[in-house]
Amino acid sequence: MPGDFLPIAVLIVLATLIAFVVVILGHLFGPRRPSARKGAPYESGMRPYGPGQRRIPIHFYLIAVLFILFDIEIVFLLPWAVILRKLGVFGLIEMAVFIVILLIGFIYAWKKGALEWE
């Protein structure tokens, strides 16, 4: 059984070795011409304004987390759809309960204004 994993172990070792070799070669042979302009902060092609420690609205992060949460929950529908005939009525009822719970969470986030963009 451990012999079955030998190709995977070789692949991991080779990938790690190649990554280290590429980084070291780039560091050894890459150009190094530091300047004040290269060392300046860069923010989307524009000069940054304000301090770097300023407060950032959390609304973007909230929407991103909600997207990931609902996206991952929806991914559970594919395996269920593949084996629906084997599960029968029990599987259908269980997935209906899952979708209702997911829908309640979505409606709650919607009513709280978490999906509104200002």
N, C-alpha and C. Protein backbone atom coordinates (compact mmCIF):
# COMPACT_ATOMS: atom_id res chain seq x y z
N MET A 1 0.82 -1.20 0.00
CA MET A 1 0.00 0.00 0.00
C MET A 1 0.86 1.27 0.00
N PRO A 2 1.92 1.36 0.85
CA PRO A 2 2.74 2.58 0.81
C PRO A 2 3.43 2.77 -0.54
N GLY A 3 3.68 1.70 -1.27
CA GLY A 3 4.31 1.81 -2.58
C GLY A 3 3.42 2.51 -3.60
N ASP A 4 2.11 2.50 -3.35
CA ASP A 4 1.18 3.18 -4.26
C ASP A 4 1.34 4.69 -4.20
N PHE A 5 1.84 5.19 -3.09
CA PHE A 5 2.00 6.63 -2.92
C PHE A 5 3.37 7.13 -3.33
N LEU A 6 4.23 6.24 -3.75
CA LEU A 6 5.58 6.64 -4.15
C LEU A 6 5.59 7.66 -5.29
N PRO A 7 4.80 7.49 -6.36
CA PRO A 7 4.80 8.51 -7.42
C PRO A 7 4.35 9.88 -6.93
N ILE A 8 3.41 9.91 -6.00
CA ILE A 8 2.95 11.20 -5.46
C ILE A 8 4.06 11.85 -4.64
N ALA A 9 4.76 11.06 -3.85
CA ALA A 9 5.86 11.60 -3.05
C ALA A 9 6.97 12.13 -3.95
N VAL A 10 7.29 11.39 -5.03
CA VAL A 10 8.32 11.85 -5.97
C VAL A 10 7.89 13.15 -6.62
N LEU A 11 6.61 13.25 -6.99
CA LEU A 11 6.09 14.48 -7.61
C LEU A 11 6.20 15.67 -6.65
N ILE A 12 5.85 15.46 -5.40
CA ILE A 12 5.93 16.55 -4.42
C ILE A 12 7.37 16.99 -4.21
N VAL A 13 8.29 16.03 -4.10
CA VAL A 13 9.70 16.37 -3.91
C VAL A 13 10.25 17.11 -5.12
N LEU A 14 9.92 16.63 -6.32
CA LEU A 14 10.41 17.31 -7.54
C LEU A 14 9.83 18.72 -7.67
N ALA A 15 8.54 18.88 -7.40
CA ALA A 15 7.93 20.21 -7.49
C ALA A 15 8.57 21.18 -6.50
N THR A 16 8.81 20.71 -5.28
CA THR A 16 9.44 21.57 -4.27
C THR A 16 10.87 21.92 -4.67
N LEU A 17 11.59 20.94 -5.16
CA LEU A 17 12.97 21.17 -5.59
C LEU A 17 13.03 22.17 -6.75
N ILE A 18 12.18 22.00 -7.74
CA ILE A 18 12.16 22.91 -8.88
C ILE A 18 11.79 24.33 -8.44
N ALA A 19 10.84 24.45 -7.51
CA ALA A 19 10.45 25.78 -7.02
C ALA A 19 11.63 26.47 -6.34
N PHE A 20 12.35 25.74 -5.49
CA PHE A 20 13.51 26.34 -4.82
C PHE A 20 14.60 26.71 -5.82
N VAL A 21 14.85 25.85 -6.79
CA VAL A 21 15.89 26.13 -7.79
C VAL A 21 15.54 27.38 -8.59
N VAL A 22 14.29 27.52 -9.01
CA VAL A 22 13.88 28.69 -9.80
C VAL A 22 14.02 29.97 -8.98
N VAL A 23 13.61 29.94 -7.72
CA VAL A 23 13.72 31.14 -6.88
C VAL A 23 15.19 31.50 -6.65
N ILE A 24 16.01 30.52 -6.37
CA ILE A 24 17.43 30.79 -6.13
C ILE A 24 18.10 31.31 -7.40
N LEU A 25 17.82 30.72 -8.56
CA LEU A 25 18.40 31.21 -9.82
C LEU A 25 17.96 32.64 -10.12
N GLY A 26 16.71 32.94 -9.88
CA GLY A 26 16.23 34.31 -10.09
C GLY A 26 16.91 35.29 -9.17
N HIS A 27 17.15 34.86 -7.94
CA HIS A 27 17.82 35.74 -6.99
C HIS A 27 19.29 35.94 -7.35
N LEU A 28 19.94 34.88 -7.82
CA LEU A 28 21.36 34.99 -8.15
C LEU A 28 21.62 35.76 -9.45
N PHE A 29 20.82 35.50 -10.48
CA PHE A 29 21.10 36.06 -11.79
C PHE A 29 20.16 37.20 -12.21
N GLY A 30 19.18 37.52 -11.39
CA GLY A 30 18.24 38.59 -11.73
C GLY A 30 18.86 39.96 -11.57
N PRO A 31 18.36 40.94 -12.32
CA PRO A 31 18.91 42.30 -12.21
C PRO A 31 18.52 42.93 -10.88
N ARG A 32 19.45 43.70 -10.33
CA ARG A 32 19.20 44.42 -9.09
C ARG A 32 19.60 45.88 -9.31
N ARG A 33 18.62 46.69 -9.60
CA ARG A 33 18.87 48.12 -9.76
C ARG A 33 17.86 48.89 -8.91
N PRO A 34 18.05 48.91 -7.60
CA PRO A 34 17.09 49.61 -6.75
C PRO A 34 17.11 51.12 -7.01
N SER A 35 15.96 51.71 -6.92
CA SER A 35 15.84 53.16 -7.06
C SER A 35 14.73 53.64 -6.13
N ALA A 36 14.66 54.95 -5.95
CA ALA A 36 13.63 55.51 -5.08
C ALA A 36 12.25 55.27 -5.67
N ARG A 37 12.15 55.34 -6.99
CA ARG A 37 10.85 55.13 -7.64
C ARG A 37 10.37 53.68 -7.49
N LYS A 38 11.30 52.72 -7.60
CA LYS A 38 10.92 51.32 -7.43
C LYS A 38 10.56 51.01 -5.99
N GLY A 39 11.14 51.71 -5.06
CA GLY A 39 10.86 51.48 -3.65
C GLY A 39 9.62 52.20 -3.15
N ALA A 40 9.03 53.05 -3.97
CA ALA A 40 7.84 53.81 -3.56
C ALA A 40 6.61 52.89 -3.52
N PRO A 41 5.65 53.19 -2.66
CA PRO A 41 4.43 52.38 -2.61
C PRO A 41 3.67 52.49 -3.93
N TYR A 42 3.04 51.40 -4.31
CA TYR A 42 2.31 51.35 -5.58
C TYR A 42 0.92 50.81 -5.30
N GLU A 43 -0.09 51.52 -5.78
CA GLU A 43 -1.46 51.12 -5.49
C GLU A 43 -2.31 51.29 -6.74
N SER A 44 -2.46 50.25 -7.50
CA SER A 44 -3.32 50.22 -8.68
C SER A 44 -2.96 51.30 -9.70
N GLY A 45 -1.72 51.61 -9.84
CA GLY A 45 -1.29 52.58 -10.84
C GLY A 45 -1.48 54.02 -10.41
N MET A 46 -1.94 54.25 -9.18
CA MET A 46 -2.16 55.61 -8.70
C MET A 46 -1.29 55.84 -7.47
N ARG A 47 -0.99 57.08 -7.21
CA ARG A 47 -0.27 57.41 -5.99
C ARG A 47 -1.19 57.16 -4.80
N PRO A 48 -0.70 56.46 -3.79
CA PRO A 48 -1.55 56.21 -2.62
C PRO A 48 -1.82 57.50 -1.87
N TYR A 49 -2.98 57.58 -1.30
CA TYR A 49 -3.33 58.75 -0.51
C TYR A 49 -3.69 58.31 0.90
N GLY A 50 -3.40 59.13 1.85
CA GLY A 50 -3.70 58.84 3.24
C GLY A 50 -2.73 57.85 3.84
N PRO A 51 -2.85 57.64 5.12
CA PRO A 51 -1.94 56.70 5.80
C PRO A 51 -2.29 55.26 5.43
N GLY A 52 -1.32 54.39 5.55
CA GLY A 52 -1.54 53.00 5.24
C GLY A 52 -2.36 52.27 6.30
N GLN A 53 -2.49 52.87 7.47
CA GLN A 53 -3.23 52.24 8.56
C GLN A 53 -4.64 52.80 8.70
N ARG A 54 -5.19 53.38 7.64
CA ARG A 54 -6.53 53.97 7.74
C ARG A 54 -7.60 52.89 7.83
N ARG A 55 -8.77 53.28 8.30
CA ARG A 55 -9.89 52.34 8.43
C ARG A 55 -10.48 52.07 7.06
N ILE A 56 -10.80 50.82 6.83
CA ILE A 56 -11.38 50.40 5.55
C ILE A 56 -12.78 49.87 5.84
N PRO A 57 -13.77 50.27 5.04
CA PRO A 57 -15.12 49.74 5.26
C PRO A 57 -15.14 48.22 5.14
N ILE A 58 -15.90 47.59 6.00
CA ILE A 58 -15.93 46.14 6.04
C ILE A 58 -16.97 45.57 5.07
N HIS A 59 -17.73 46.43 4.44
CA HIS A 59 -18.83 45.97 3.58
C HIS A 59 -18.34 45.08 2.44
N PHE A 60 -17.22 45.41 1.83
CA PHE A 60 -16.70 44.59 0.74
C PHE A 60 -16.38 43.19 1.24
N TYR A 61 -15.75 43.10 2.39
CA TYR A 61 -15.39 41.80 2.95
C TYR A 61 -16.62 40.99 3.31
N LEU A 62 -17.65 41.65 3.82
CA LEU A 62 -18.89 40.97 4.16
C LEU A 62 -19.53 40.34 2.92
N ILE A 63 -19.58 41.09 1.84
CA ILE A 63 -20.16 40.56 0.61
C ILE A 63 -19.30 39.41 0.07
N ALA A 64 -17.98 39.53 0.16
CA ALA A 64 -17.10 38.46 -0.32
C ALA A 64 -17.29 37.19 0.51
N VAL A 65 -17.40 37.32 1.82
CA VAL A 65 -17.59 36.15 2.67
C VAL A 65 -18.95 35.51 2.40
N LEU A 66 -19.98 36.33 2.23
CA LEU A 66 -21.30 35.77 1.93
C LEU A 66 -21.29 35.06 0.57
N PHE A 67 -20.61 35.61 -0.40
CA PHE A 67 -20.51 34.95 -1.70
C PHE A 67 -19.84 33.59 -1.57
N ILE A 68 -18.72 33.56 -0.86
CA ILE A 68 -18.01 32.29 -0.70
C ILE A 68 -18.87 31.29 0.07
N LEU A 69 -19.54 31.74 1.10
CA LEU A 69 -20.39 30.86 1.90
C LEU A 69 -21.49 30.25 1.04
N PHE A 70 -22.24 31.07 0.33
CA PHE A 70 -23.34 30.55 -0.47
C PHE A 70 -22.83 29.76 -1.67
N ASP A 71 -21.70 30.14 -2.21
CA ASP A 71 -21.12 29.42 -3.34
C ASP A 71 -20.73 28.01 -2.92
N ILE A 72 -20.09 27.88 -1.78
CA ILE A 72 -19.70 26.56 -1.29
C ILE A 72 -20.92 25.71 -0.95
N GLU A 73 -21.94 26.33 -0.40
CA GLU A 73 -23.16 25.58 -0.08
C GLU A 73 -23.84 25.06 -1.35
N ILE A 74 -23.83 25.86 -2.41
CA ILE A 74 -24.47 25.45 -3.66
C ILE A 74 -23.69 24.30 -4.31
N VAL A 75 -22.40 24.22 -4.06
CA VAL A 75 -21.59 23.14 -4.64
C VAL A 75 -22.08 21.78 -4.15
N PHE A 76 -22.71 21.74 -2.99
CA PHE A 76 -23.22 20.47 -2.46
C PHE A 76 -24.38 19.93 -3.30
N LEU A 77 -24.96 20.75 -4.16
CA LEU A 77 -26.08 20.28 -4.98
C LEU A 77 -25.64 19.30 -6.07
N LEU A 78 -24.42 19.42 -6.57
CA LEU A 78 -23.98 18.56 -7.67
C LEU A 78 -23.87 17.10 -7.26
N PRO A 79 -23.17 16.75 -6.18
CA PRO A 79 -23.13 15.33 -5.80
C PRO A 79 -24.51 14.78 -5.47
N TRP A 80 -25.34 15.61 -4.87
CA TRP A 80 -26.69 15.18 -4.56
C TRP A 80 -27.46 14.86 -5.84
N ALA A 81 -27.32 15.71 -6.85
CA ALA A 81 -28.04 15.48 -8.11
C ALA A 81 -27.56 14.22 -8.81
N VAL A 82 -26.30 13.87 -8.64
CA VAL A 82 -25.76 12.69 -9.30
C VAL A 82 -26.34 11.42 -8.69
N ILE A 83 -26.53 11.38 -7.38
CA ILE A 83 -27.01 10.16 -6.73
C ILE A 83 -28.45 10.28 -6.24
N LEU A 84 -29.23 11.18 -6.82
CA LEU A 84 -30.59 11.41 -6.36
C LEU A 84 -31.44 10.15 -6.46
N ARG A 85 -31.31 9.39 -7.54
CA ARG A 85 -32.15 8.19 -7.71
C ARG A 85 -31.84 7.13 -6.66
N LYS A 86 -30.59 7.04 -6.22
CA LYS A 86 -30.23 6.08 -5.18
C LYS A 86 -30.78 6.49 -3.82
N LEU A 87 -30.87 7.79 -3.59
CA LEU A 87 -31.32 8.29 -2.29
C LEU A 87 -32.83 8.19 -2.14
N GLY A 88 -33.53 8.35 -3.23
CA GLY A 88 -34.99 8.26 -3.19
C GLY A 88 -35.63 9.47 -2.54
N VAL A 89 -36.79 9.23 -1.95
CA VAL A 89 -37.58 10.32 -1.35
C VAL A 89 -36.85 10.92 -0.14
N PHE A 90 -36.16 10.07 0.62
CA PHE A 90 -35.42 10.58 1.78
C PHE A 90 -34.40 11.62 1.36
N GLY A 91 -33.65 11.35 0.30
CA GLY A 91 -32.65 12.30 -0.19
C GLY A 91 -33.29 13.58 -0.68
N LEU A 92 -34.44 13.46 -1.32
CA LEU A 92 -35.15 14.65 -1.81
C LEU A 92 -35.60 15.53 -0.65
N ILE A 93 -36.15 14.90 0.39
CA ILE A 93 -36.62 15.66 1.55
C ILE A 93 -35.43 16.29 2.29
N GLU A 94 -34.36 15.54 2.42
CA GLU A 94 -33.20 16.08 3.12
C GLU A 94 -32.60 17.28 2.38
N MET A 95 -32.53 17.20 1.05
CA MET A 95 -32.01 18.34 0.28
C MET A 95 -32.98 19.51 0.32
N ALA A 96 -34.27 19.23 0.37
CA ALA A 96 -35.24 20.33 0.49
C ALA A 96 -35.03 21.07 1.81
N VAL A 97 -34.79 20.33 2.90
CA VAL A 97 -34.52 20.96 4.19
C VAL A 97 -33.24 21.79 4.11
N PHE A 98 -32.20 21.25 3.45
CA PHE A 98 -30.94 21.97 3.28
C PHE A 98 -31.15 23.27 2.51
N ILE A 99 -31.92 23.21 1.43
CA ILE A 99 -32.16 24.41 0.61
C ILE A 99 -33.00 25.42 1.38
N VAL A 100 -33.96 24.97 2.18
CA VAL A 100 -34.77 25.90 2.98
C VAL A 100 -33.89 26.61 4.00
N ILE A 101 -32.98 25.88 4.66
CA ILE A 101 -32.08 26.52 5.63
C ILE A 101 -31.17 27.52 4.92
N LEU A 102 -30.68 27.16 3.74
CA LEU A 102 -29.84 28.07 2.96
C LEU A 102 -30.64 29.30 2.53
N LEU A 103 -31.88 29.10 2.14
CA LEU A 103 -32.73 30.21 1.72
C LEU A 103 -33.05 31.14 2.89
N ILE A 104 -33.25 30.59 4.08
CA ILE A 104 -33.49 31.41 5.26
C ILE A 104 -32.27 32.30 5.55
N GLY A 105 -31.07 31.72 5.44
CA GLY A 105 -29.85 32.51 5.64
C GLY A 105 -29.71 33.60 4.60
N PHE A 106 -30.05 33.29 3.35
CA PHE A 106 -29.96 34.28 2.29
C PHE A 106 -30.95 35.42 2.51
N ILE A 107 -32.18 35.08 2.87
CA ILE A 107 -33.20 36.11 3.13
C ILE A 107 -32.79 36.97 4.33
N TYR A 108 -32.23 36.34 5.37
CA TYR A 108 -31.77 37.10 6.53
C TYR A 108 -30.69 38.11 6.14
N ALA A 109 -29.72 37.66 5.34
CA ALA A 109 -28.65 38.57 4.90
C ALA A 109 -29.23 39.68 4.03
N TRP A 110 -30.19 39.35 3.20
CA TRP A 110 -30.82 40.33 2.32
C TRP A 110 -31.57 41.38 3.14
N LYS A 111 -32.37 40.93 4.12
CA LYS A 111 -33.16 41.86 4.93
C LYS A 111 -32.27 42.75 5.80
N LYS A 112 -31.13 42.23 6.24
CA LYS A 112 -30.21 43.04 7.05
C LYS A 112 -29.44 44.05 6.21
N GLY A 113 -29.55 43.96 4.88
CA GLY A 113 -28.87 44.91 4.01
C GLY A 113 -27.44 44.53 3.71
N ALA A 114 -27.08 43.27 3.97
CA ALA A 114 -25.70 42.85 3.74
C ALA A 114 -25.35 42.79 2.26
N LEU A 115 -26.35 42.71 1.40
CA LEU A 115 -26.10 42.59 -0.03
C LEU A 115 -26.23 43.93 -0.77
N GLU A 116 -26.53 44.98 -0.03
CA GLU A 116 -26.66 46.30 -0.65
C GLU A 116 -25.30 46.93 -0.84
N TRP A 117 -25.08 47.48 -2.01
CA TRP A 117 -23.81 48.17 -2.31
C TRP A 117 -24.08 49.65 -2.40
N GLU A 118 -23.32 50.44 -1.65
CA GLU A 118 -23.56 51.90 -1.61
C GLU A 118 -22.59 52.61 -2.53
